[in-house]
Amino acid sequence: FPVTIRNALNKNSRRIYARKCVVQTIGKSESRDFLEKNHSQGDADSSVQLGLYHKDELVFVMAFGEPRHDSRYQWEIVRAATLAGLSIPGGWSKLINYFKLMTSAESIVSYCDNCWGSGECHAKSGFLPIEVTPPSCFYFKISDIKKGIKRHWTEFIGQVPEIKNSDCDLTEKQIMKKMGYYRLWDCGETVWAYSKGALAGSWGDVWAK
């Protein structure tokens, strides 16, 4: 969490402008290593990984893949992270614009955690806010909180006897507390989307205007 908090408060110790950086496609292993060190949720499955380099140093990674929650879109930004302690004004837009040219992307969706950001970088890159999801909860152990490790209830389904037993009188919160986990609620997510034209479904009229 410390890296994420510094980013949210704009208290990073270094600043590099995107115009001084170059974009390159990178491999999955390089992307994974960077994201595990610099993203609060670590790596995620992706098919295209872009890196922003400053003087041969990898300073920003953005990974794209097939949309996990909404099939109307062609692509999803599954992860984006800068090097810990570094701000890169214009970096997000530079990577997005490179990706659009590289893939001729018609539509892209992204999910912004409202606990840590306002989505300003999305707006500057031509994305529009579509909806805000309701708050959800996650669980953590005191020993893991400094490492940024948090887990969702669904990770335990099928693994814990109390969860397997449909007759169990304990609540979700009580079961997790027995296992040493505490519950926190987030602030929901804002769904941001970019599209060249209309999308199928209920949001089609929005994009057609």
N, C-alpha and C. Protein backbone atom coordinates (compact mmCIF):
# COMPACT_ATOMS: atom_id res chain seq x y z
N PHE A 1 0.78 -1.22 0.00
CA PHE A 1 0.00 0.00 0.00
C PHE A 1 0.82 1.29 0.00
N PRO A 2 2.02 1.35 0.59
CA PRO A 2 2.76 2.62 0.65
C PRO A 2 2.97 3.26 -0.72
N VAL A 3 3.28 2.45 -1.74
CA VAL A 3 3.48 3.00 -3.09
C VAL A 3 2.20 3.61 -3.61
N THR A 4 1.09 2.91 -3.42
CA THR A 4 -0.21 3.39 -3.90
C THR A 4 -0.61 4.68 -3.21
N ILE A 5 -0.35 4.76 -1.90
CA ILE A 5 -0.69 5.97 -1.15
C ILE A 5 0.11 7.16 -1.64
N ARG A 6 1.40 6.97 -1.89
CA ARG A 6 2.23 8.07 -2.40
C ARG A 6 1.72 8.55 -3.75
N ASN A 7 1.33 7.62 -4.61
CA ASN A 7 0.79 8.01 -5.91
C ASN A 7 -0.49 8.82 -5.75
N ALA A 8 -1.39 8.34 -4.88
CA ALA A 8 -2.67 9.02 -4.68
C ALA A 8 -2.50 10.43 -4.14
N LEU A 9 -1.50 10.63 -3.29
CA LEU A 9 -1.25 11.94 -2.68
C LEU A 9 -0.30 12.79 -3.50
N ASN A 10 0.15 12.26 -4.64
CA ASN A 10 1.11 12.97 -5.50
C ASN A 10 2.36 13.36 -4.72
N LYS A 11 2.89 12.42 -3.95
CA LYS A 11 4.06 12.67 -3.10
C LYS A 11 5.27 11.85 -3.56
N ASN A 12 5.31 11.51 -4.82
CA ASN A 12 6.46 10.76 -5.31
C ASN A 12 7.71 11.64 -5.32
N SER A 13 8.85 11.01 -5.10
CA SER A 13 10.10 11.75 -4.96
C SER A 13 10.74 12.11 -6.30
N ARG A 14 10.36 11.42 -7.39
CA ARG A 14 10.93 11.68 -8.71
C ARG A 14 9.84 12.01 -9.72
N ARG A 15 10.22 12.80 -10.72
CA ARG A 15 9.28 13.16 -11.79
C ARG A 15 10.03 13.16 -13.12
N ILE A 16 9.48 12.42 -14.09
CA ILE A 16 10.04 12.36 -15.43
C ILE A 16 8.90 12.61 -16.42
N TYR A 17 9.09 13.49 -17.37
CA TYR A 17 8.04 13.77 -18.34
C TYR A 17 8.06 12.75 -19.47
N ALA A 18 6.86 12.39 -19.92
CA ALA A 18 6.72 11.34 -20.92
C ALA A 18 7.45 11.67 -22.21
N ARG A 19 7.58 12.94 -22.54
CA ARG A 19 8.26 13.31 -23.80
C ARG A 19 9.73 12.90 -23.80
N LYS A 20 10.28 12.61 -22.62
CA LYS A 20 11.66 12.17 -22.52
C LYS A 20 11.78 10.65 -22.49
N CYS A 21 10.65 9.98 -22.70
CA CYS A 21 10.62 8.51 -22.64
C CYS A 21 10.23 7.93 -24.00
N VAL A 22 10.53 6.65 -24.17
CA VAL A 22 10.16 5.94 -25.40
C VAL A 22 9.33 4.71 -25.04
N VAL A 23 8.42 4.33 -25.94
CA VAL A 23 7.55 3.17 -25.72
C VAL A 23 8.09 1.97 -26.47
N GLN A 24 8.05 0.81 -25.81
CA GLN A 24 8.45 -0.44 -26.44
C GLN A 24 7.50 -1.54 -26.00
N THR A 25 7.30 -2.53 -26.88
CA THR A 25 6.59 -3.73 -26.44
C THR A 25 7.58 -4.55 -25.61
N ILE A 26 7.09 -5.19 -24.56
CA ILE A 26 7.94 -5.98 -23.68
C ILE A 26 7.35 -7.37 -23.51
N GLY A 27 8.14 -8.28 -22.98
CA GLY A 27 7.70 -9.65 -22.78
C GLY A 27 6.89 -9.81 -21.50
N LYS A 28 6.20 -10.95 -21.40
CA LYS A 28 5.37 -11.22 -20.24
C LYS A 28 6.19 -11.30 -18.94
N SER A 29 7.37 -11.90 -19.03
CA SER A 29 8.18 -12.07 -17.82
C SER A 29 8.64 -10.71 -17.28
N GLU A 30 9.06 -9.84 -18.19
CA GLU A 30 9.49 -8.51 -17.77
C GLU A 30 8.34 -7.70 -17.20
N SER A 31 7.18 -7.81 -17.85
CA SER A 31 5.98 -7.13 -17.37
C SER A 31 5.57 -7.67 -16.00
N ARG A 32 5.58 -8.99 -15.85
CA ARG A 32 5.20 -9.61 -14.58
C ARG A 32 6.11 -9.18 -13.45
N ASP A 33 7.41 -9.20 -13.67
CA ASP A 33 8.36 -8.81 -12.62
C ASP A 33 8.13 -7.36 -12.19
N PHE A 34 7.89 -6.48 -13.15
CA PHE A 34 7.67 -5.06 -12.84
C PHE A 34 6.37 -4.87 -12.05
N LEU A 35 5.29 -5.51 -12.50
CA LEU A 35 3.99 -5.33 -11.86
C LEU A 35 3.95 -5.94 -10.45
N GLU A 36 4.62 -7.06 -10.27
CA GLU A 36 4.66 -7.67 -8.94
C GLU A 36 5.33 -6.76 -7.92
N LYS A 37 6.25 -5.93 -8.39
CA LYS A 37 6.97 -5.02 -7.50
C LYS A 37 6.30 -3.65 -7.36
N ASN A 38 5.50 -3.26 -8.36
CA ASN A 38 5.03 -1.87 -8.40
C ASN A 38 3.53 -1.68 -8.47
N HIS A 39 2.77 -2.77 -8.54
CA HIS A 39 1.30 -2.65 -8.56
C HIS A 39 0.73 -3.31 -7.30
N SER A 40 -0.25 -2.65 -6.68
CA SER A 40 -0.80 -3.15 -5.41
C SER A 40 -1.44 -4.53 -5.54
N GLN A 41 -1.87 -4.91 -6.75
CA GLN A 41 -2.48 -6.22 -6.97
C GLN A 41 -1.57 -7.17 -7.74
N GLY A 42 -0.35 -6.75 -7.98
CA GLY A 42 0.57 -7.62 -8.68
C GLY A 42 0.23 -7.77 -10.15
N ASP A 43 0.61 -8.90 -10.72
CA ASP A 43 0.44 -9.16 -12.14
C ASP A 43 -0.98 -9.66 -12.43
N ALA A 44 -1.36 -9.67 -13.71
CA ALA A 44 -2.62 -10.24 -14.16
C ALA A 44 -2.42 -10.75 -15.58
N ASP A 45 -3.26 -11.68 -15.99
CA ASP A 45 -3.14 -12.26 -17.33
C ASP A 45 -3.37 -11.19 -18.39
N SER A 46 -2.48 -11.11 -19.38
CA SER A 46 -2.61 -10.12 -20.44
C SER A 46 -1.99 -10.68 -21.71
N SER A 47 -2.33 -10.06 -22.84
CA SER A 47 -1.80 -10.52 -24.12
C SER A 47 -0.88 -9.51 -24.78
N VAL A 48 -0.97 -8.24 -24.38
CA VAL A 48 -0.10 -7.19 -24.91
C VAL A 48 0.46 -6.40 -23.74
N GLN A 49 1.78 -6.25 -23.71
CA GLN A 49 2.43 -5.51 -22.63
C GLN A 49 3.30 -4.42 -23.24
N LEU A 50 3.10 -3.18 -22.78
CA LEU A 50 3.88 -2.05 -23.24
C LEU A 50 4.70 -1.48 -22.09
N GLY A 51 5.93 -1.07 -22.41
CA GLY A 51 6.79 -0.47 -21.40
C GLY A 51 7.24 0.91 -21.83
N LEU A 52 7.34 1.82 -20.87
CA LEU A 52 7.86 3.16 -21.11
C LEU A 52 9.26 3.21 -20.51
N TYR A 53 10.22 3.57 -21.34
CA TYR A 53 11.62 3.57 -20.91
C TYR A 53 12.18 4.99 -20.85
N HIS A 54 12.99 5.23 -19.82
CA HIS A 54 13.74 6.48 -19.71
C HIS A 54 15.21 6.12 -19.53
N LYS A 55 16.01 6.42 -20.56
CA LYS A 55 17.44 6.10 -20.52
C LYS A 55 17.67 4.63 -20.18
N ASP A 56 16.97 3.76 -20.87
CA ASP A 56 17.10 2.31 -20.73
C ASP A 56 16.53 1.76 -19.42
N GLU A 57 15.87 2.60 -18.64
CA GLU A 57 15.24 2.14 -17.40
C GLU A 57 13.74 2.01 -17.63
N LEU A 58 13.17 0.84 -17.31
CA LEU A 58 11.74 0.63 -17.42
C LEU A 58 11.03 1.37 -16.29
N VAL A 59 10.16 2.33 -16.64
CA VAL A 59 9.56 3.18 -15.61
C VAL A 59 8.04 3.10 -15.57
N PHE A 60 7.42 2.48 -16.58
CA PHE A 60 5.96 2.41 -16.61
C PHE A 60 5.58 1.19 -17.44
N VAL A 61 4.64 0.40 -16.93
CA VAL A 61 4.13 -0.76 -17.66
C VAL A 61 2.62 -0.68 -17.74
N MET A 62 2.10 -0.94 -18.93
CA MET A 62 0.65 -1.03 -19.12
C MET A 62 0.37 -2.33 -19.87
N ALA A 63 -0.54 -3.14 -19.32
CA ALA A 63 -0.84 -4.45 -19.89
C ALA A 63 -2.30 -4.51 -20.34
N PHE A 64 -2.54 -5.08 -21.49
CA PHE A 64 -3.87 -5.15 -22.09
C PHE A 64 -4.26 -6.61 -22.33
N GLY A 65 -5.55 -6.86 -22.28
CA GLY A 65 -6.02 -8.22 -22.54
C GLY A 65 -7.48 -8.23 -22.95
N GLU A 66 -8.01 -9.43 -23.09
CA GLU A 66 -9.43 -9.59 -23.42
C GLU A 66 -10.27 -9.13 -22.24
N PRO A 67 -11.35 -8.37 -22.47
CA PRO A 67 -12.19 -7.89 -21.36
C PRO A 67 -12.70 -9.04 -20.50
N ARG A 68 -12.56 -8.86 -19.20
CA ARG A 68 -12.95 -9.91 -18.26
C ARG A 68 -14.40 -9.82 -17.82
N HIS A 69 -15.02 -8.62 -17.95
CA HIS A 69 -16.35 -8.43 -17.40
C HIS A 69 -17.38 -7.93 -18.41
N ASP A 70 -16.95 -7.41 -19.54
CA ASP A 70 -17.90 -6.82 -20.50
C ASP A 70 -17.41 -7.10 -21.92
N SER A 71 -18.09 -8.00 -22.59
CA SER A 71 -17.66 -8.46 -23.92
C SER A 71 -17.95 -7.45 -25.02
N ARG A 72 -18.62 -6.34 -24.71
CA ARG A 72 -18.88 -5.34 -25.74
C ARG A 72 -17.59 -4.65 -26.18
N TYR A 73 -16.59 -4.65 -25.32
CA TYR A 73 -15.35 -3.95 -25.61
C TYR A 73 -14.33 -4.90 -26.26
N GLN A 74 -13.44 -4.32 -27.03
CA GLN A 74 -12.42 -5.09 -27.72
C GLN A 74 -11.23 -5.39 -26.81
N TRP A 75 -10.86 -4.42 -25.98
CA TRP A 75 -9.70 -4.55 -25.10
C TRP A 75 -10.02 -4.04 -23.70
N GLU A 76 -9.22 -4.53 -22.74
CA GLU A 76 -9.28 -4.01 -21.36
C GLU A 76 -7.86 -3.70 -20.89
N ILE A 77 -7.71 -2.58 -20.21
CA ILE A 77 -6.44 -2.30 -19.54
C ILE A 77 -6.48 -3.09 -18.23
N VAL A 78 -5.73 -4.17 -18.17
CA VAL A 78 -5.81 -5.03 -16.99
C VAL A 78 -4.84 -4.59 -15.89
N ARG A 79 -3.76 -3.92 -16.25
CA ARG A 79 -2.82 -3.40 -15.25
C ARG A 79 -2.09 -2.18 -15.82
N ALA A 80 -1.78 -1.23 -14.93
CA ALA A 80 -0.96 -0.07 -15.29
C ALA A 80 -0.25 0.39 -14.02
N ALA A 81 1.06 0.54 -14.10
CA ALA A 81 1.82 0.94 -12.91
C ALA A 81 3.10 1.64 -13.31
N THR A 82 3.45 2.65 -12.53
CA THR A 82 4.74 3.32 -12.69
C THR A 82 5.74 2.77 -11.68
N LEU A 83 6.99 3.03 -11.91
CA LEU A 83 8.03 2.63 -10.98
C LEU A 83 7.79 3.30 -9.64
N ALA A 84 7.97 2.57 -8.55
CA ALA A 84 7.70 3.10 -7.20
C ALA A 84 8.44 4.41 -6.98
N GLY A 85 7.70 5.42 -6.47
CA GLY A 85 8.30 6.70 -6.15
C GLY A 85 8.45 7.64 -7.32
N LEU A 86 7.87 7.28 -8.49
CA LEU A 86 8.06 8.07 -9.69
C LEU A 86 6.73 8.53 -10.28
N SER A 87 6.67 9.82 -10.65
CA SER A 87 5.53 10.36 -11.39
C SER A 87 5.95 10.62 -12.82
N ILE A 88 5.06 10.29 -13.78
CA ILE A 88 5.38 10.49 -15.20
C ILE A 88 4.23 11.23 -15.86
N PRO A 89 4.21 12.56 -15.79
CA PRO A 89 3.16 13.32 -16.47
C PRO A 89 3.12 13.01 -17.96
N GLY A 90 1.93 12.66 -18.45
CA GLY A 90 1.78 12.33 -19.86
C GLY A 90 2.07 10.89 -20.21
N GLY A 91 2.53 10.10 -19.23
CA GLY A 91 2.90 8.72 -19.50
C GLY A 91 1.72 7.85 -19.90
N TRP A 92 0.62 8.00 -19.18
CA TRP A 92 -0.58 7.21 -19.48
C TRP A 92 -1.04 7.45 -20.91
N SER A 93 -1.17 8.72 -21.29
CA SER A 93 -1.65 9.06 -22.63
C SER A 93 -0.69 8.56 -23.71
N LYS A 94 0.61 8.64 -23.44
CA LYS A 94 1.58 8.19 -24.43
C LYS A 94 1.45 6.70 -24.69
N LEU A 95 1.26 5.91 -23.65
CA LEU A 95 1.10 4.47 -23.81
C LEU A 95 -0.22 4.12 -24.50
N ILE A 96 -1.30 4.81 -24.11
CA ILE A 96 -2.60 4.55 -24.73
C ILE A 96 -2.57 4.88 -26.22
N ASN A 97 -2.01 6.04 -26.56
CA ASN A 97 -1.96 6.43 -27.97
C ASN A 97 -1.12 5.46 -28.79
N TYR A 98 -0.04 4.97 -28.23
CA TYR A 98 0.80 3.99 -28.92
C TYR A 98 -0.01 2.70 -29.14
N PHE A 99 -0.74 2.28 -28.12
CA PHE A 99 -1.54 1.05 -28.22
C PHE A 99 -2.63 1.19 -29.28
N LYS A 100 -3.29 2.34 -29.33
CA LYS A 100 -4.34 2.56 -30.33
C LYS A 100 -3.79 2.43 -31.75
N LEU A 101 -2.63 3.02 -31.98
CA LEU A 101 -2.01 2.95 -33.30
C LEU A 101 -1.53 1.53 -33.62
N MET A 102 -1.00 0.88 -32.61
CA MET A 102 -0.43 -0.46 -32.78
C MET A 102 -1.50 -1.49 -33.12
N THR A 103 -2.67 -1.37 -32.50
CA THR A 103 -3.71 -2.40 -32.63
C THR A 103 -4.94 -1.95 -33.41
N SER A 104 -5.02 -0.65 -33.75
CA SER A 104 -6.24 -0.08 -34.35
C SER A 104 -7.45 -0.37 -33.47
N ALA A 105 -7.25 -0.22 -32.17
CA ALA A 105 -8.29 -0.54 -31.20
C ALA A 105 -9.56 0.29 -31.43
N GLU A 106 -10.70 -0.39 -31.46
CA GLU A 106 -11.98 0.27 -31.62
C GLU A 106 -12.57 0.68 -30.28
N SER A 107 -12.30 -0.10 -29.24
CA SER A 107 -12.85 0.21 -27.93
C SER A 107 -11.98 -0.40 -26.83
N ILE A 108 -11.89 0.33 -25.71
CA ILE A 108 -11.07 -0.10 -24.58
C ILE A 108 -11.83 0.22 -23.30
N VAL A 109 -11.82 -0.69 -22.35
CA VAL A 109 -12.44 -0.45 -21.05
C VAL A 109 -11.38 -0.53 -19.96
N SER A 110 -11.57 0.24 -18.90
CA SER A 110 -10.62 0.25 -17.78
C SER A 110 -11.39 0.49 -16.49
N TYR A 111 -10.87 -0.06 -15.39
CA TYR A 111 -11.53 0.06 -14.10
C TYR A 111 -10.61 0.79 -13.12
N CYS A 112 -11.09 1.91 -12.62
CA CYS A 112 -10.29 2.75 -11.72
C CYS A 112 -10.77 2.58 -10.29
N ASP A 113 -9.88 2.14 -9.41
CA ASP A 113 -10.20 1.98 -7.99
C ASP A 113 -10.37 3.36 -7.36
N ASN A 114 -11.58 3.65 -6.90
CA ASN A 114 -11.87 4.98 -6.36
C ASN A 114 -11.19 5.26 -5.03
N CYS A 115 -10.61 4.24 -4.42
CA CYS A 115 -9.85 4.46 -3.18
C CYS A 115 -8.55 5.22 -3.48
N TRP A 116 -8.04 5.06 -4.70
CA TRP A 116 -6.69 5.54 -4.98
C TRP A 116 -6.59 6.54 -6.12
N GLY A 117 -7.66 6.77 -6.84
CA GLY A 117 -7.54 7.69 -7.96
C GLY A 117 -8.88 8.22 -8.43
N SER A 118 -8.83 9.34 -9.14
CA SER A 118 -10.04 9.97 -9.66
C SER A 118 -10.29 9.63 -11.12
N GLY A 119 -9.32 9.00 -11.78
CA GLY A 119 -9.47 8.67 -13.19
C GLY A 119 -9.11 9.82 -14.11
N GLU A 120 -8.42 10.82 -13.59
CA GLU A 120 -8.05 11.98 -14.39
C GLU A 120 -7.25 11.58 -15.64
N CYS A 121 -6.36 10.62 -15.48
CA CYS A 121 -5.55 10.18 -16.62
C CYS A 121 -6.41 9.56 -17.71
N HIS A 122 -7.51 8.89 -17.31
CA HIS A 122 -8.42 8.32 -18.31
C HIS A 122 -9.08 9.44 -19.11
N ALA A 123 -9.57 10.45 -18.40
CA ALA A 123 -10.27 11.55 -19.07
C ALA A 123 -9.36 12.26 -20.07
N LYS A 124 -8.09 12.44 -19.71
CA LYS A 124 -7.14 13.12 -20.59
C LYS A 124 -6.80 12.28 -21.81
N SER A 125 -7.10 10.98 -21.75
CA SER A 125 -6.78 10.08 -22.86
C SER A 125 -8.01 9.74 -23.71
N GLY A 126 -9.10 10.49 -23.52
CA GLY A 126 -10.28 10.29 -24.36
C GLY A 126 -11.28 9.27 -23.85
N PHE A 127 -11.13 8.82 -22.60
CA PHE A 127 -12.07 7.89 -22.01
C PHE A 127 -13.23 8.65 -21.36
N LEU A 128 -14.39 8.02 -21.28
CA LEU A 128 -15.54 8.60 -20.62
C LEU A 128 -15.95 7.72 -19.44
N PRO A 129 -16.41 8.33 -18.32
CA PRO A 129 -16.89 7.53 -17.18
C PRO A 129 -18.26 6.93 -17.51
N ILE A 130 -18.38 5.62 -17.38
CA ILE A 130 -19.62 4.93 -17.73
C ILE A 130 -20.50 4.66 -16.51
N GLU A 131 -19.90 4.17 -15.44
CA GLU A 131 -20.65 3.87 -14.23
C GLU A 131 -19.71 3.73 -13.05
N VAL A 132 -20.28 3.77 -11.86
CA VAL A 132 -19.53 3.54 -10.62
C VAL A 132 -20.10 2.29 -9.97
N THR A 133 -19.25 1.31 -9.73
CA THR A 133 -19.71 0.07 -9.13
C THR A 133 -19.89 0.24 -7.62
N PRO A 134 -20.75 -0.55 -6.98
CA PRO A 134 -20.94 -0.45 -5.54
C PRO A 134 -19.67 -0.85 -4.79
N PRO A 135 -19.51 -0.38 -3.55
CA PRO A 135 -18.36 -0.79 -2.74
C PRO A 135 -18.37 -2.31 -2.53
N SER A 136 -17.19 -2.88 -2.45
CA SER A 136 -17.06 -4.31 -2.16
C SER A 136 -16.05 -4.48 -1.03
N CYS A 137 -16.01 -5.67 -0.45
CA CYS A 137 -15.12 -5.88 0.68
C CYS A 137 -13.98 -6.83 0.32
N PHE A 138 -12.91 -6.71 1.08
CA PHE A 138 -11.79 -7.64 0.95
C PHE A 138 -11.28 -7.94 2.34
N TYR A 139 -10.43 -8.95 2.44
CA TYR A 139 -9.93 -9.40 3.74
C TYR A 139 -8.40 -9.35 3.77
N PHE A 140 -7.87 -9.11 4.95
CA PHE A 140 -6.42 -9.04 5.11
C PHE A 140 -6.03 -9.53 6.51
N LYS A 141 -4.78 -9.94 6.63
CA LYS A 141 -4.19 -10.26 7.92
C LYS A 141 -3.26 -9.12 8.33
N ILE A 142 -3.19 -8.85 9.61
CA ILE A 142 -2.34 -7.77 10.10
C ILE A 142 -0.90 -7.96 9.62
N SER A 143 -0.44 -9.21 9.61
CA SER A 143 0.94 -9.49 9.22
C SER A 143 1.22 -9.20 7.75
N ASP A 144 0.15 -9.13 6.95
CA ASP A 144 0.32 -8.95 5.50
C ASP A 144 -0.02 -7.55 5.01
N ILE A 145 -0.59 -6.70 5.86
CA ILE A 145 -1.10 -5.43 5.39
C ILE A 145 0.01 -4.54 4.83
N LYS A 146 1.22 -4.59 5.42
CA LYS A 146 2.32 -3.76 4.91
C LYS A 146 2.78 -4.22 3.53
N LYS A 147 2.52 -5.49 3.22
CA LYS A 147 2.90 -6.01 1.92
C LYS A 147 1.83 -5.75 0.86
N GLY A 148 0.71 -5.19 1.31
CA GLY A 148 -0.37 -4.91 0.37
C GLY A 148 -1.17 -6.12 -0.03
N ILE A 149 -1.09 -7.21 0.75
CA ILE A 149 -1.79 -8.45 0.40
C ILE A 149 -3.22 -8.40 0.90
N LYS A 150 -4.16 -8.51 -0.01
CA LYS A 150 -5.58 -8.57 0.35
C LYS A 150 -6.24 -9.66 -0.48
N ARG A 151 -7.29 -10.26 0.07
CA ARG A 151 -7.92 -11.39 -0.60
C ARG A 151 -9.43 -11.23 -0.59
N HIS A 152 -10.07 -11.76 -1.63
CA HIS A 152 -11.51 -11.71 -1.74
C HIS A 152 -12.11 -13.00 -1.21
N TRP A 153 -13.33 -12.89 -0.70
CA TRP A 153 -14.05 -14.02 -0.13
C TRP A 153 -14.08 -15.22 -1.08
N THR A 154 -14.25 -14.97 -2.36
CA THR A 154 -14.39 -16.08 -3.32
C THR A 154 -13.14 -16.94 -3.42
N GLU A 155 -11.97 -16.41 -3.00
CA GLU A 155 -10.74 -17.19 -3.04
C GLU A 155 -10.78 -18.38 -2.09
N PHE A 156 -11.67 -18.32 -1.08
CA PHE A 156 -11.70 -19.35 -0.04
C PHE A 156 -12.80 -20.38 -0.26
N ILE A 157 -13.72 -20.09 -1.18
CA ILE A 157 -14.83 -21.01 -1.41
C ILE A 157 -14.30 -22.36 -1.91
N GLY A 158 -14.73 -23.42 -1.28
CA GLY A 158 -14.28 -24.76 -1.65
C GLY A 158 -13.03 -25.20 -0.93
N GLN A 159 -12.43 -24.30 -0.13
CA GLN A 159 -11.19 -24.62 0.58
C GLN A 159 -11.37 -24.73 2.09
N VAL A 160 -12.39 -24.05 2.60
CA VAL A 160 -12.59 -23.98 4.05
C VAL A 160 -13.81 -24.80 4.44
N PRO A 161 -13.70 -25.71 5.44
CA PRO A 161 -14.82 -26.57 5.82
C PRO A 161 -16.11 -25.82 6.11
N GLU A 162 -16.00 -24.67 6.83
CA GLU A 162 -17.22 -23.92 7.17
C GLU A 162 -17.92 -23.38 5.94
N ILE A 163 -17.13 -23.02 4.92
CA ILE A 163 -17.73 -22.49 3.70
C ILE A 163 -18.38 -23.61 2.89
N LYS A 164 -17.76 -24.81 2.91
CA LYS A 164 -18.32 -25.96 2.20
C LYS A 164 -19.64 -26.41 2.82
N ASN A 165 -19.76 -26.24 4.13
CA ASN A 165 -20.93 -26.74 4.86
C ASN A 165 -22.08 -25.73 4.77
N SER A 166 -23.10 -26.07 4.01
CA SER A 166 -24.23 -25.16 3.82
C SER A 166 -25.05 -24.96 5.09
N ASP A 167 -24.88 -25.86 6.09
CA ASP A 167 -25.63 -25.75 7.34
C ASP A 167 -24.90 -24.91 8.39
N CYS A 168 -23.74 -24.40 8.05
CA CYS A 168 -22.97 -23.60 9.00
C CYS A 168 -23.73 -22.32 9.35
N ASP A 169 -23.81 -22.02 10.66
CA ASP A 169 -24.54 -20.83 11.12
C ASP A 169 -23.68 -19.58 11.13
N LEU A 170 -22.37 -19.73 10.89
CA LEU A 170 -21.49 -18.57 10.92
C LEU A 170 -21.65 -17.72 9.67
N THR A 171 -21.50 -16.42 9.83
CA THR A 171 -21.54 -15.52 8.69
C THR A 171 -20.18 -15.51 7.99
N GLU A 172 -20.16 -14.93 6.81
CA GLU A 172 -18.90 -14.79 6.07
C GLU A 172 -17.85 -14.09 6.93
N LYS A 173 -18.23 -13.00 7.56
CA LYS A 173 -17.29 -12.22 8.38
C LYS A 173 -16.77 -13.05 9.55
N GLN A 174 -17.66 -13.83 10.19
CA GLN A 174 -17.26 -14.64 11.34
C GLN A 174 -16.30 -15.75 10.93
N ILE A 175 -16.56 -16.37 9.78
CA ILE A 175 -15.68 -17.43 9.29
C ILE A 175 -14.28 -16.87 9.03
N MET A 176 -14.21 -15.73 8.37
CA MET A 176 -12.93 -15.14 8.04
C MET A 176 -12.19 -14.68 9.30
N LYS A 177 -12.92 -14.19 10.29
CA LYS A 177 -12.29 -13.76 11.53
C LYS A 177 -11.67 -14.94 12.26
N LYS A 178 -12.33 -16.10 12.21
CA LYS A 178 -11.77 -17.32 12.81
C LYS A 178 -10.44 -17.70 12.17
N MET A 179 -10.29 -17.34 10.91
CA MET A 179 -9.07 -17.66 10.17
C MET A 179 -8.01 -16.56 10.33
N GLY A 180 -8.33 -15.54 11.11
CA GLY A 180 -7.35 -14.48 11.35
C GLY A 180 -7.42 -13.32 10.37
N TYR A 181 -8.53 -13.22 9.61
CA TYR A 181 -8.66 -12.15 8.62
C TYR A 181 -9.63 -11.07 9.11
N TYR A 182 -9.33 -9.84 8.73
CA TYR A 182 -10.19 -8.70 9.04
C TYR A 182 -10.78 -8.16 7.74
N ARG A 183 -11.96 -7.55 7.86
CA ARG A 183 -12.66 -7.10 6.65
C ARG A 183 -12.61 -5.58 6.52
N LEU A 184 -12.36 -5.12 5.28
CA LEU A 184 -12.41 -3.70 4.93
C LEU A 184 -13.26 -3.53 3.68
N TRP A 185 -13.92 -2.38 3.60
CA TRP A 185 -14.70 -2.05 2.41
C TRP A 185 -13.96 -1.02 1.58
N ASP A 186 -14.06 -1.15 0.25
CA ASP A 186 -13.44 -0.16 -0.62
C ASP A 186 -14.47 0.90 -1.02
N CYS A 187 -14.12 1.72 -2.00
CA CYS A 187 -15.00 2.81 -2.45
C CYS A 187 -15.63 2.53 -3.81
N GLY A 188 -15.59 1.28 -4.23
CA GLY A 188 -16.10 0.95 -5.54
C GLY A 188 -15.12 1.34 -6.64
N GLU A 189 -15.50 1.07 -7.87
CA GLU A 189 -14.66 1.39 -9.02
C GLU A 189 -15.45 2.23 -10.02
N THR A 190 -14.75 3.10 -10.74
CA THR A 190 -15.35 3.81 -11.86
C THR A 190 -14.95 3.10 -13.14
N VAL A 191 -15.94 2.78 -13.95
CA VAL A 191 -15.68 2.13 -15.23
C VAL A 191 -15.48 3.22 -16.28
N TRP A 192 -14.31 3.21 -16.90
CA TRP A 192 -13.98 4.18 -17.94
C TRP A 192 -13.89 3.48 -19.28
N ALA A 193 -14.38 4.11 -20.34
CA ALA A 193 -14.37 3.46 -21.64
C ALA A 193 -14.03 4.43 -22.76
N TYR A 194 -13.28 3.89 -23.72
CA TYR A 194 -12.97 4.61 -24.95
C TYR A 194 -13.60 3.83 -26.10
N SER A 195 -14.23 4.56 -27.04
CA SER A 195 -14.80 3.89 -28.20
C SER A 195 -14.83 4.84 -29.38
N LYS A 196 -14.51 4.30 -30.57
CA LYS A 196 -14.57 5.10 -31.79
C LYS A 196 -16.00 5.30 -32.26
N GLY A 197 -16.90 4.38 -31.91
CA GLY A 197 -18.27 4.46 -32.39
C GLY A 197 -19.23 3.90 -31.37
N ALA A 198 -20.37 3.42 -31.83
CA ALA A 198 -21.40 2.90 -30.94
C ALA A 198 -21.05 1.49 -30.47
N LEU A 199 -21.46 1.20 -29.24
CA LEU A 199 -21.30 -0.14 -28.69
C LEU A 199 -22.64 -0.85 -28.68
N ALA A 200 -22.61 -2.16 -28.75
CA ALA A 200 -23.83 -2.92 -28.63
C ALA A 200 -24.31 -2.88 -27.19
N GLY A 201 -25.62 -2.93 -27.00
CA GLY A 201 -26.13 -2.97 -25.63
C GLY A 201 -26.67 -1.62 -25.18
N SER A 202 -26.91 -1.51 -23.87
CA SER A 202 -27.61 -0.35 -23.32
C SER A 202 -26.85 0.95 -23.47
N TRP A 203 -25.53 0.89 -23.66
CA TRP A 203 -24.74 2.12 -23.78
C TRP A 203 -24.53 2.54 -25.22
N GLY A 204 -25.18 1.84 -26.16
CA GLY A 204 -25.00 2.16 -27.56
C GLY A 204 -25.37 3.59 -27.91
N ASP A 205 -26.47 4.09 -27.34
CA ASP A 205 -26.91 5.44 -27.65
C ASP A 205 -25.93 6.49 -27.18
N VAL A 206 -25.23 6.19 -26.07
CA VAL A 206 -24.24 7.13 -25.56
C VAL A 206 -23.13 7.33 -26.56
N TRP A 207 -22.63 6.23 -27.09
CA TRP A 207 -21.48 6.28 -27.99
C TRP A 207 -21.88 6.77 -29.39
N ALA A 208 -23.14 6.65 -29.72
CA ALA A 208 -23.60 7.06 -31.06
C ALA A 208 -23.70 8.59 -31.18
N LYS A 209 -23.78 9.26 -30.04
CA LYS A 209 -23.97 10.72 -30.08
C LYS A 209 -22.64 11.42 -30.32
